[in-house]
Amino acid sequence: MWQTKIKESSDFLKKRIKKIPKIAIILGSGLGQLIEHVTKLEEIEYSEIPHFLKSSVHGHKGTLIHAIYNGVEVLILNGRIHYYEGYSMQMMTFPIRLLHSLGVNKLILSNAAGGLNPTFKVGDVMLIKDHLNFMGNNPLIGKIEEESNSRFVSMDEPYSKRIISLASKIAEQKGFNLQKGVYTGLSGPYYGTPSESKAFFILGADAVGMSTVPENIVAKSLKMEVFAMSVITDLAVIGMNEDVSHEEVLQAATKASPVLLQLLYELLPQL
């Protein structure tokens, strides 16, 4: 079933985009400012793409853009759907399987996240080096349709050490600070309790959010190289917890966008 849907979506996009880039970027909450800085070659509403679902969450526009950024052609997914919207893990990760079928082999993920590490500040960009899956589900559960796909995926290197190293060198050269850490994926949609934040930090988490992990798992099962970044939009640190709204998260992500934009600008030509 999924393979048929993927083929129909893939055939549609191949008619609209003659040369598919090898790199794709998924933009998280409030991180759509990248779109203002790229040269657009094609912009397609998610609703136009067969079987493609649009997020109901504010801050996720729902467009697929073929663009050029610093001389590099990329596919940009401006918005994602989330598990807490009521979709299955298979629906949530459909875009990853579609990108793979189009020939994309490098995936850049971004998200807005709450900081658990007490050294983090709102506005920091954290390179994700590993994750904890506390979403209560896994996108590889169920029937595996791809012949080359294995459900028993090695996660020894979930996020590309090569690209993390490149990004770190760029940050050092350009003089801006990047954090590195472990991301915890939760189903959401409520923001964590103080006890939950404490537990995740004890387990080794530096930030917490409601996306990215399922996308990473499917991408790794398809042998894609994955790089991911979190923009720290609020602090879930013990003793520093404050009420936070989705609007405040979007505002914080927007303010932090310049660092992310500069990093991507320098990074893409090196991939």
C-alpha atoms as a PDB file:
ATOM      1  CA  MET A   1       0.000   0.000   0.000  1.00  0.00           C
ATOM      2  CA  TRP A   2       2.651   2.515   1.022  1.00  0.00           C
ATOM      3  CA  GLN A   3       4.850   1.694  -1.964  1.00  0.00           C
ATOM      4  CA  THR A   4       1.972   2.436  -4.336  1.00  0.00           C
ATOM      5  CA  LYS A   5       1.308   5.770  -2.654  1.00  0.00           C
ATOM      6  CA  ILE A   6       5.001   6.662  -2.666  1.00  0.00           C
ATOM      7  CA  LYS A   7       5.233   5.896  -6.396  1.00  0.00           C
ATOM      8  CA  GLU A   8       2.216   8.065  -7.178  1.00  0.00           C
ATOM      9  CA  SER A   9       3.652  10.965  -5.156  1.00  0.00           C
ATOM     10  CA  SER A  10       7.093  10.446  -6.673  1.00  0.00           C
ATOM     11  CA  ASP A  11       5.753  10.389 -10.237  1.00  0.00           C
ATOM     12  CA  PHE A  12       3.896  13.657  -9.593  1.00  0.00           C
ATOM     13  CA  LEU A  13       6.984  15.426  -8.235  1.00  0.00           C
ATOM     14  CA  LYS A  14       9.249  14.175 -11.004  1.00  0.00           C
ATOM     15  CA  LYS A  15       6.952  15.883 -13.507  1.00  0.00           C
ATOM     16  CA  ARG A  16       7.158  19.170 -11.601  1.00  0.00           C
ATOM     17  CA  ILE A  17      10.860  19.007 -10.687  1.00  0.00           C
ATOM     18  CA  LYS A  18      12.999  17.808 -13.582  1.00  0.00           C
ATOM     19  CA  LYS A  19      16.223  17.356 -11.628  1.00  0.00           C
ATOM     20  CA  ILE A  20      15.764  16.214  -8.034  1.00  0.00           C
ATOM     21  CA  PRO A  21      18.450  17.450  -5.596  1.00  0.00           C
ATOM     22  CA  LYS A  22      20.295  14.970  -3.382  1.00  0.00           C
ATOM     23  CA  ILE A  23      19.822  17.092  -0.247  1.00  0.00           C
ATOM     24  CA  ALA A  24      16.552  17.777   1.580  1.00  0.00           C
ATOM     25  CA  ILE A  25      15.849  20.049   4.546  1.00  0.00           C
ATOM     26  CA  ILE A  26      12.839  19.764   6.857  1.00  0.00           C
ATOM     27  CA  LEU A  27      12.031  22.987   8.692  1.00  0.00           C
ATOM     28  CA  GLY A  28      10.582  22.894  12.193  1.00  0.00           C
ATOM     29  CA  SER A  29       8.343  25.276  14.138  1.00  0.00           C
ATOM     30  CA  GLY A  30       9.132  28.918  13.455  1.00  0.00           C
ATOM     31  CA  LEU A  31      12.132  28.145  11.248  1.00  0.00           C
ATOM     32  CA  GLY A  32      10.587  29.095   7.921  1.00  0.00           C
ATOM     33  CA  GLN A  33      12.768  32.208   7.571  1.00  0.00           C
ATOM     34  CA  LEU A  34      15.119  30.183   5.374  1.00  0.00           C
ATOM     35  CA  ILE A  35      12.520  30.476   2.610  1.00  0.00           C
ATOM     36  CA  GLU A  36      13.081  34.246   2.454  1.00  0.00           C
ATOM     37  CA  HIS A  37      16.776  33.744   1.650  1.00  0.00           C
ATOM     38  CA  VAL A  38      16.691  31.077  -1.065  1.00  0.00           C
ATOM     39  CA  THR A  39      16.180  31.296  -4.807  1.00  0.00           C
ATOM     40  CA  LYS A  40      12.957  29.421  -5.493  1.00  0.00           C
ATOM     41  CA  LEU A  41      12.801  27.249  -8.590  1.00  0.00           C
ATOM     42  CA  GLU A  42       9.486  25.565  -7.796  1.00  0.00           C
ATOM     43  CA  GLU A  43       7.021  25.744  -4.900  1.00  0.00           C
ATOM     44  CA  ILE A  44       4.356  23.095  -4.432  1.00  0.00           C
ATOM     45  CA  GLU A  45       1.611  23.049  -1.816  1.00  0.00           C
ATOM     46  CA  TYR A  46       1.486  19.818   0.165  1.00  0.00           C
ATOM     47  CA  SER A  47      -2.201  19.598  -0.775  1.00  0.00           C
ATOM     48  CA  GLU A  48      -1.215  19.261  -4.447  1.00  0.00           C
ATOM     49  CA  ILE A  49       1.003  16.218  -3.837  1.00  0.00           C
ATOM     50  CA  PRO A  50      -0.872  12.896  -3.859  1.00  0.00           C
ATOM     51  CA  HIS A  51      -1.123  11.315  -0.376  1.00  0.00           C
ATOM     52  CA  PHE A  52       0.905  14.121   1.225  1.00  0.00           C
ATOM     53  CA  LEU A  53      -0.511  15.442   4.493  1.00  0.00           C
ATOM     54  CA  LYS A  54      -0.377  19.033   5.728  1.00  0.00           C
ATOM     55  CA  SER A  55       0.250  19.911   9.357  1.00  0.00           C
ATOM     56  CA  SER A  56      -2.536  21.566  11.328  1.00  0.00           C
ATOM     57  CA  VAL A  57       0.025  23.230  13.612  1.00  0.00           C
ATOM     58  CA  HIS A  58       0.653  26.977  13.382  1.00  0.00           C
ATOM     59  CA  GLY A  59       4.174  27.682  12.145  1.00  0.00           C
ATOM     60  CA  HIS A  60       4.222  24.790   9.652  1.00  0.00           C
ATOM     61  CA  LYS A  61       3.196  26.307   6.306  1.00  0.00           C
ATOM     62  CA  GLY A  62       2.980  23.121   4.264  1.00  0.00           C
ATOM     63  CA  THR A  63       4.947  23.651   1.064  1.00  0.00           C
ATOM     64  CA  LEU A  64       7.671  21.720  -0.735  1.00  0.00           C
ATOM     65  CA  ILE A  65      10.200  24.023  -2.355  1.00  0.00           C
ATOM     66  CA  HIS A  66      12.887  23.278  -4.931  1.00  0.00           C
ATOM     67  CA  ALA A  67      15.438  25.996  -4.269  1.00  0.00           C
ATOM     68  CA  ILE A  68      19.043  27.127  -4.518  1.00  0.00           C
ATOM     69  CA  TYR A  69      20.898  28.282  -1.399  1.00  0.00           C
ATOM     70  CA  ASN A  70      24.504  29.413  -1.753  1.00  0.00           C
ATOM     71  CA  GLY A  71      24.738  27.697  -5.119  1.00  0.00           C
ATOM     72  CA  VAL A  72      23.393  24.355  -3.897  1.00  0.00           C
ATOM     73  CA  GLU A  73      20.084  22.897  -5.050  1.00  0.00           C
ATOM     74  CA  VAL A  74      17.936  21.556  -2.230  1.00  0.00           C
ATOM     75  CA  LEU A  75      14.429  20.362  -1.526  1.00  0.00           C
ATOM     76  CA  ILE A  76      12.893  22.196   1.430  1.00  0.00           C
ATOM     77  CA  LEU A  77       9.895  20.874   3.323  1.00  0.00           C
ATOM     78  CA  ASN A  78       8.431  23.923   5.026  1.00  0.00           C
ATOM     79  CA  GLY A  79       6.501  22.188   7.783  1.00  0.00           C
ATOM     80  CA  ARG A  80       5.948  18.664   9.074  1.00  0.00           C
ATOM     81  CA  ILE A  81       3.132  16.650  10.589  1.00  0.00           C
ATOM     82  CA  HIS A  82       3.379  15.371  14.141  1.00  0.00           C
ATOM     83  CA  TYR A  83       2.409  12.221  15.989  1.00  0.00           C
ATOM     84  CA  TYR A  84       0.249  14.242  18.396  1.00  0.00           C
ATOM     85  CA  GLU A  85      -1.949  15.393  15.508  1.00  0.00           C
ATOM     86  CA  GLY A  86      -3.358  11.887  15.439  1.00  0.00           C
ATOM     87  CA  TYR A  87      -1.407  10.521  12.496  1.00  0.00           C
ATOM     88  CA  SER A  88       0.271   7.129  12.531  1.00  0.00           C
ATOM     89  CA  MET A  89       4.048   6.831  12.564  1.00  0.00           C
ATOM     90  CA  GLN A  90       3.845   5.592   8.969  1.00  0.00           C
ATOM     91  CA  MET A  91       1.938   8.703   7.889  1.00  0.00           C
ATOM     92  CA  MET A  92       4.289  10.933   9.850  1.00  0.00           C
ATOM     93  CA  THR A  93       7.353   9.508   8.094  1.00  0.00           C
ATOM     94  CA  PHE A  94       5.808   9.227   4.617  1.00  0.00           C
ATOM     95  CA  PRO A  95       7.793  12.302   3.438  1.00  0.00           C
ATOM     96  CA  ILE A  96      11.076  10.589   4.330  1.00  0.00           C
ATOM     97  CA  ARG A  97      10.246   7.501   2.272  1.00  0.00           C
ATOM     98  CA  LEU A  98       9.128   9.747  -0.573  1.00  0.00           C
ATOM     99  CA  LEU A  99      12.363  11.760  -0.483  1.00  0.00           C
ATOM    100  CA  HIS A 100      14.374   8.542  -0.574  1.00  0.00           C
ATOM    101  CA  SER A 101      12.396   7.285  -3.572  1.00  0.00           C
ATOM    102  CA  LEU A 102      13.249  10.543  -5.360  1.00  0.00           C
ATOM    103  CA  GLY A 103      16.964   9.927  -4.863  1.00  0.00           C
ATOM    104  CA  VAL A 104      17.615  12.168  -1.846  1.00  0.00           C
ATOM    105  CA  ASN A 105      20.474  10.705   0.200  1.00  0.00           C
ATOM    106  CA  LYS A 106      21.231  13.512   2.664  1.00  0.00           C
ATOM    107  CA  LEU A 107      18.609  14.736   5.104  1.00  0.00           C
ATOM    108  CA  ILE A 108      18.843  17.837   7.290  1.00  0.00           C
ATOM    109  CA  LEU A 109      16.293  18.036  10.102  1.00  0.00           C
ATOM    110  CA  SER A 110      15.527  21.052  12.264  1.00  0.00           C
ATOM    111  CA  ASN A 111      13.222  21.579  15.196  1.00  0.00           C
ATOM    112  CA  ALA A 112      12.302  23.833  18.079  1.00  0.00           C
ATOM    113  CA  ALA A 113      13.144  22.231  21.421  1.00  0.00           C
ATOM    114  CA  GLY A 114      13.102  22.834  25.140  1.00  0.00           C
ATOM    115  CA  GLY A 115      16.506  23.007  26.794  1.00  0.00           C
ATOM    116  CA  LEU A 116      17.213  20.572  29.631  1.00  0.00           C
ATOM    117  CA  ASN A 117      20.925  21.241  29.952  1.00  0.00           C
ATOM    118  CA  PRO A 118      21.444  24.044  32.515  1.00  0.00           C
ATOM    119  CA  THR A 119      24.235  25.560  30.400  1.00  0.00           C
ATOM    120  CA  PHE A 120      21.858  26.158  27.473  1.00  0.00           C
ATOM    121  CA  LYS A 121      20.206  29.511  26.774  1.00  0.00           C
ATOM    122  CA  VAL A 122      17.125  30.399  24.762  1.00  0.00           C
ATOM    123  CA  GLY A 123      18.292  31.008  21.195  1.00  0.00           C
ATOM    124  CA  ASP A 124      21.104  28.446  21.270  1.00  0.00           C
ATOM    125  CA  VAL A 125      21.439  26.053  18.337  1.00  0.00           C
ATOM    126  CA  MET A 126      22.179  22.472  19.368  1.00  0.00           C
ATOM    127  CA  LEU A 127      23.632  19.927  16.965  1.00  0.00           C
ATOM    128  CA  ILE A 128      21.938  16.617  17.714  1.00  0.00           C
ATOM    129  CA  LYS A 129      24.521  13.883  18.254  1.00  0.00           C
ATOM    130  CA  ASP A 130      22.117  11.205  19.547  1.00  0.00           C
ATOM    131  CA  HIS A 131      18.537  10.795  20.682  1.00  0.00           C
ATOM    132  CA  LEU A 132      16.244   9.078  23.162  1.00  0.00           C
ATOM    133  CA  ASN A 133      12.965   7.765  21.756  1.00  0.00           C
ATOM    134  CA  PHE A 134      10.209   8.314  24.320  1.00  0.00           C
ATOM    135  CA  MET A 135       7.416   8.714  21.792  1.00  0.00           C
ATOM    136  CA  GLY A 136       5.886   5.371  22.742  1.00  0.00           C
ATOM    137  CA  ASN A 137       6.060   4.041  19.196  1.00  0.00           C
ATOM    138  CA  ASN A 138       8.439   3.310  16.344  1.00  0.00           C
ATOM    139  CA  PRO A 139       7.878   3.849  12.603  1.00  0.00           C
ATOM    140  CA  LEU A 140       9.494   0.498  11.743  1.00  0.00           C
ATOM    141  CA  ILE A 141       6.796  -1.484  13.561  1.00  0.00           C
ATOM    142  CA  GLY A 142       4.532  -3.240  11.068  1.00  0.00           C
ATOM    143  CA  LYS A 143       4.909  -4.564   7.556  1.00  0.00           C
ATOM    144  CA  ILE A 144       8.146  -3.698   5.772  1.00  0.00           C
ATOM    145  CA  GLU A 145       7.427  -3.139   2.081  1.00  0.00           C
ATOM    146  CA  GLU A 146      10.794  -1.984   0.752  1.00  0.00           C
ATOM    147  CA  GLU A 147      12.887  -4.959  -0.342  1.00  0.00           C
ATOM    148  CA  SER A 148      16.121  -3.236   0.665  1.00  0.00           C
ATOM    149  CA  ASN A 149      14.793  -2.016   3.989  1.00  0.00           C
ATOM    150  CA  SER A 150      15.488  -3.754   7.274  1.00  0.00           C
ATOM    151  CA  ARG A 151      13.466  -3.293  10.428  1.00  0.00           C
ATOM    152  CA  PHE A 152      16.559  -4.157  12.500  1.00  0.00           C
ATOM    153  CA  VAL A 153      18.430  -0.911  11.934  1.00  0.00           C
ATOM    154  CA  SER A 154      21.824  -0.170  13.443  1.00  0.00           C
ATOM    155  CA  MET A 155      21.692   3.122  15.335  1.00  0.00           C
ATOM    156  CA  ASP A 156      25.373   3.275  16.279  1.00  0.00           C
ATOM    157  CA  GLU A 157      25.624   6.586  14.410  1.00  0.00           C
ATOM    158  CA  PRO A 158      22.108   8.024  14.140  1.00  0.00           C
ATOM    159  CA  TYR A 159      23.414  11.471  13.201  1.00  0.00           C
ATOM    160  CA  SER A 160      26.323  11.937  10.811  1.00  0.00           C
ATOM    161  CA  LYS A 161      29.591  12.528  12.659  1.00  0.00           C
ATOM    162  CA  ARG A 162      31.063  13.788   9.386  1.00  0.00           C
ATOM    163  CA  ILE A 163      28.508  16.574   9.041  1.00  0.00           C
ATOM    164  CA  ILE A 164      28.597  17.412  12.764  1.00  0.00           C
ATOM    165  CA  SER A 165      32.362  17.874  12.422  1.00  0.00           C
ATOM    166  CA  LEU A 166      31.925  20.125   9.373  1.00  0.00           C
ATOM    167  CA  ALA A 167      29.327  22.232  11.191  1.00  0.00           C
ATOM    168  CA  SER A 168      31.548  22.556  14.257  1.00  0.00           C
ATOM    169  CA  LYS A 169      34.465  23.780  12.146  1.00  0.00           C
ATOM    170  CA  ILE A 170      32.243  26.334  10.422  1.00  0.00           C
ATOM    171  CA  ALA A 171      31.021  27.643  13.777  1.00  0.00           C
ATOM    172  CA  GLU A 172      34.593  27.978  14.998  1.00  0.00           C
ATOM    173  CA  GLN A 173      35.670  29.813  11.843  1.00  0.00           C
ATOM    174  CA  LYS A 174      32.678  32.168  11.870  1.00  0.00           C
ATOM    175  CA  GLY A 175      32.809  32.806  15.594  1.00  0.00           C
ATOM    176  CA  PHE A 176      29.391  31.670  16.703  1.00  0.00           C
ATOM    177  CA  ASN A 177      28.602  29.229  19.459  1.00  0.00           C
ATOM    178  CA  LEU A 178      26.966  25.866  18.827  1.00  0.00           C
ATOM    179  CA  GLN A 179      25.858  23.390  21.456  1.00  0.00           C
ATOM    180  CA  LYS A 180      25.963  19.627  20.982  1.00  0.00           C
ATOM    181  CA  GLY A 181      23.709  17.222  22.771  1.00  0.00           C
ATOM    182  CA  VAL A 182      21.144  14.464  23.018  1.00  0.00           C
ATOM    183  CA  TYR A 183      17.565  15.113  21.890  1.00  0.00           C
ATOM    184  CA  THR A 184      14.604  13.378  23.506  1.00  0.00           C
ATOM    185  CA  GLY A 185      11.568  12.783  21.317  1.00  0.00           C
ATOM    186  CA  LEU A 186       8.179  12.819  23.058  1.00  0.00           C
ATOM    187  CA  SER A 187       4.712  12.323  21.634  1.00  0.00           C
ATOM    188  CA  GLY A 188       3.411  15.602  23.121  1.00  0.00           C
ATOM    189  CA  PRO A 189       1.477  17.770  22.781  1.00  0.00           C
ATOM    190  CA  TYR A 190       1.762  19.006  26.370  1.00  0.00           C
ATOM    191  CA  TYR A 191       5.049  20.426  27.589  1.00  0.00           C
ATOM    192  CA  GLY A 192       6.818  18.231  30.145  1.00  0.00           C
ATOM    193  CA  THR A 193       6.341  18.299  33.898  1.00  0.00           C
ATOM    194  CA  PRO A 194       9.267  19.214  36.187  1.00  0.00           C
ATOM    195  CA  SER A 195       9.642  15.553  37.173  1.00  0.00           C
ATOM    196  CA  GLU A 196       9.721  14.449  33.538  1.00  0.00           C
ATOM    197  CA  SER A 197      12.327  17.076  32.708  1.00  0.00           C
ATOM    198  CA  LYS A 198      14.445  15.928  35.647  1.00  0.00           C
ATOM    199  CA  ALA A 199      14.143  12.272  34.607  1.00  0.00           C
ATOM    200  CA  PHE A 200      15.139  12.929  31.000  1.00  0.00           C
ATOM    201  CA  PHE A 201      18.133  15.019  32.062  1.00  0.00           C
ATOM    202  CA  ILE A 202      19.288  12.242  34.412  1.00  0.00           C
ATOM    203  CA  LEU A 203      19.033   9.836  31.471  1.00  0.00           C
ATOM    204  CA  GLY A 204      21.367  12.041  29.437  1.00  0.00           C
ATOM    205  CA  ALA A 205      19.042  14.305  27.464  1.00  0.00           C
ATOM    206  CA  ASP A 206      20.028  17.903  26.732  1.00  0.00           C
ATOM    207  CA  ALA A 207      16.867  18.969  24.910  1.00  0.00           C
ATOM    208  CA  VAL A 208      13.335  17.728  24.413  1.00  0.00           C
ATOM    209  CA  GLY A 209      10.867  18.022  21.543  1.00  0.00           C
ATOM    210  CA  MET A 210       8.006  16.379  19.659  1.00  0.00           C
ATOM    211  CA  SER A 211       9.450  15.451  16.260  1.00  0.00           C
ATOM    212  CA  THR A 212      12.643  14.407  14.431  1.00  0.00           C
ATOM    213  CA  VAL A 213      13.192  10.983  16.046  1.00  0.00           C
ATOM    214  CA  PRO A 214      10.775   8.998  13.803  1.00  0.00           C
ATOM    215  CA  GLU A 215      12.105  10.813  10.732  1.00  0.00           C
ATOM    216  CA  ASN A 216      15.641   9.909  11.716  1.00  0.00           C
ATOM    217  CA  ILE A 217      14.796   6.244  12.317  1.00  0.00           C
ATOM    218  CA  VAL A 218      13.205   5.827   8.891  1.00  0.00           C
ATOM    219  CA  ALA A 219      15.989   7.760   7.165  1.00  0.00           C
ATOM    220  CA  LYS A 220      18.614   5.537   8.798  1.00  0.00           C
ATOM    221  CA  SER A 221      16.693   2.432   7.744  1.00  0.00           C
ATOM    222  CA  LEU A 222      16.951   3.746   4.182  1.00  0.00           C
ATOM    223  CA  LYS A 223      20.719   4.395   4.482  1.00  0.00           C
ATOM    224  CA  MET A 224      20.375   8.173   4.303  1.00  0.00           C
ATOM    225  CA  GLU A 225      22.949  10.451   5.931  1.00  0.00           C
ATOM    226  CA  VAL A 226      21.197  12.523   8.601  1.00  0.00           C
ATOM    227  CA  PHE A 227      22.128  15.813  10.247  1.00  0.00           C
ATOM    228  CA  ALA A 228      19.830  17.518  12.745  1.00  0.00           C
ATOM    229  CA  MET A 229      19.682  20.752  14.714  1.00  0.00           C
ATOM    230  CA  SER A 230      17.499  22.000  17.556  1.00  0.00           C
ATOM    231  CA  VAL A 231      16.839  25.659  18.232  1.00  0.00           C
ATOM    232  CA  ILE A 232      16.409  26.025  21.999  1.00  0.00           C
ATOM    233  CA  THR A 233      13.195  28.025  22.329  1.00  0.00           C
ATOM    234  CA  ASP A 234      12.439  27.565  26.031  1.00  0.00           C
ATOM    235  CA  LEU A 235      14.069  26.148  29.140  1.00  0.00           C
ATOM    236  CA  ALA A 236      12.802  23.012  30.837  1.00  0.00           C
ATOM    237  CA  VAL A 237      15.698  23.051  33.307  1.00  0.00           C
ATOM    238  CA  ILE A 238      14.788  22.176  36.884  1.00  0.00           C
ATOM    239  CA  GLY A 239      14.121  25.346  38.839  1.00  0.00           C
ATOM    240  CA  MET A 240      13.846  27.422  35.661  1.00  0.00           C
ATOM    241  CA  ASN A 241      10.597  26.013  34.255  1.00  0.00           C
ATOM    242  CA  GLU A 242       8.102  28.666  33.245  1.00  0.00           C
ATOM    243  CA  ASP A 243       4.761  28.510  31.504  1.00  0.00           C
ATOM    244  CA  VAL A 244       5.413  28.556  27.773  1.00  0.00           C
ATOM    245  CA  SER A 245       3.006  28.899  24.858  1.00  0.00           C
ATOM    246  CA  HIS A 246       3.371  27.704  21.281  1.00  0.00           C
ATOM    247  CA  GLU A 247       3.434  31.345  20.154  1.00  0.00           C
ATOM    248  CA  GLU A 248       6.405  32.036  22.430  1.00  0.00           C
ATOM    249  CA  VAL A 249       8.191  29.008  20.990  1.00  0.00           C
ATOM    250  CA  LEU A 250       7.629  30.324  17.454  1.00  0.00           C
ATOM    251  CA  GLN A 251       8.925  33.770  18.406  1.00  0.00           C
ATOM    252  CA  ALA A 252      12.067  32.345  20.014  1.00  0.00           C
ATOM    253  CA  ALA A 253      12.739  30.133  16.985  1.00  0.00           C
ATOM    254  CA  THR A 254      12.395  33.108  14.644  1.00  0.00           C
ATOM    255  CA  LYS A 255      14.906  35.146  16.669  1.00  0.00           C
ATOM    256  CA  ALA A 256      17.408  32.278  16.586  1.00  0.00           C
ATOM    257  CA  SER A 257      17.092  31.740  12.839  1.00  0.00           C
ATOM    258  CA  PRO A 258      20.117  33.856  11.760  1.00  0.00           C
ATOM    259  CA  VAL A 259      22.618  31.388  13.245  1.00  0.00           C
ATOM    260  CA  LEU A 260      20.860  28.447  11.628  1.00  0.00           C
ATOM    261  CA  LEU A 261      20.704  30.262   8.284  1.00  0.00           C
ATOM    262  CA  GLN A 262      24.405  31.129   8.338  1.00  0.00           C
ATOM    263  CA  LEU A 263      25.327  27.597   9.316  1.00  0.00           C
ATOM    264  CA  LEU A 264      23.325  26.098   6.453  1.00  0.00           C
ATOM    265  CA  TYR A 265      24.725  28.686   4.030  1.00  0.00           C
ATOM    266  CA  GLU A 266      28.285  27.625   4.804  1.00  0.00           C
ATOM    267  CA  LEU A 267      27.540  23.927   5.253  1.00  0.00           C
ATOM    268  CA  LEU A 268      25.597  23.028   2.116  1.00  0.00           C
ATOM    269  CA  PRO A 269      28.472  23.504  -0.389  1.00  0.00           C
ATOM    270  CA  GLN A 270      30.615  21.129   1.698  1.00  0.00           C
ATOM    271  CA  LEU A 271      28.152  18.254   1.662  1.00  0.00           C
END
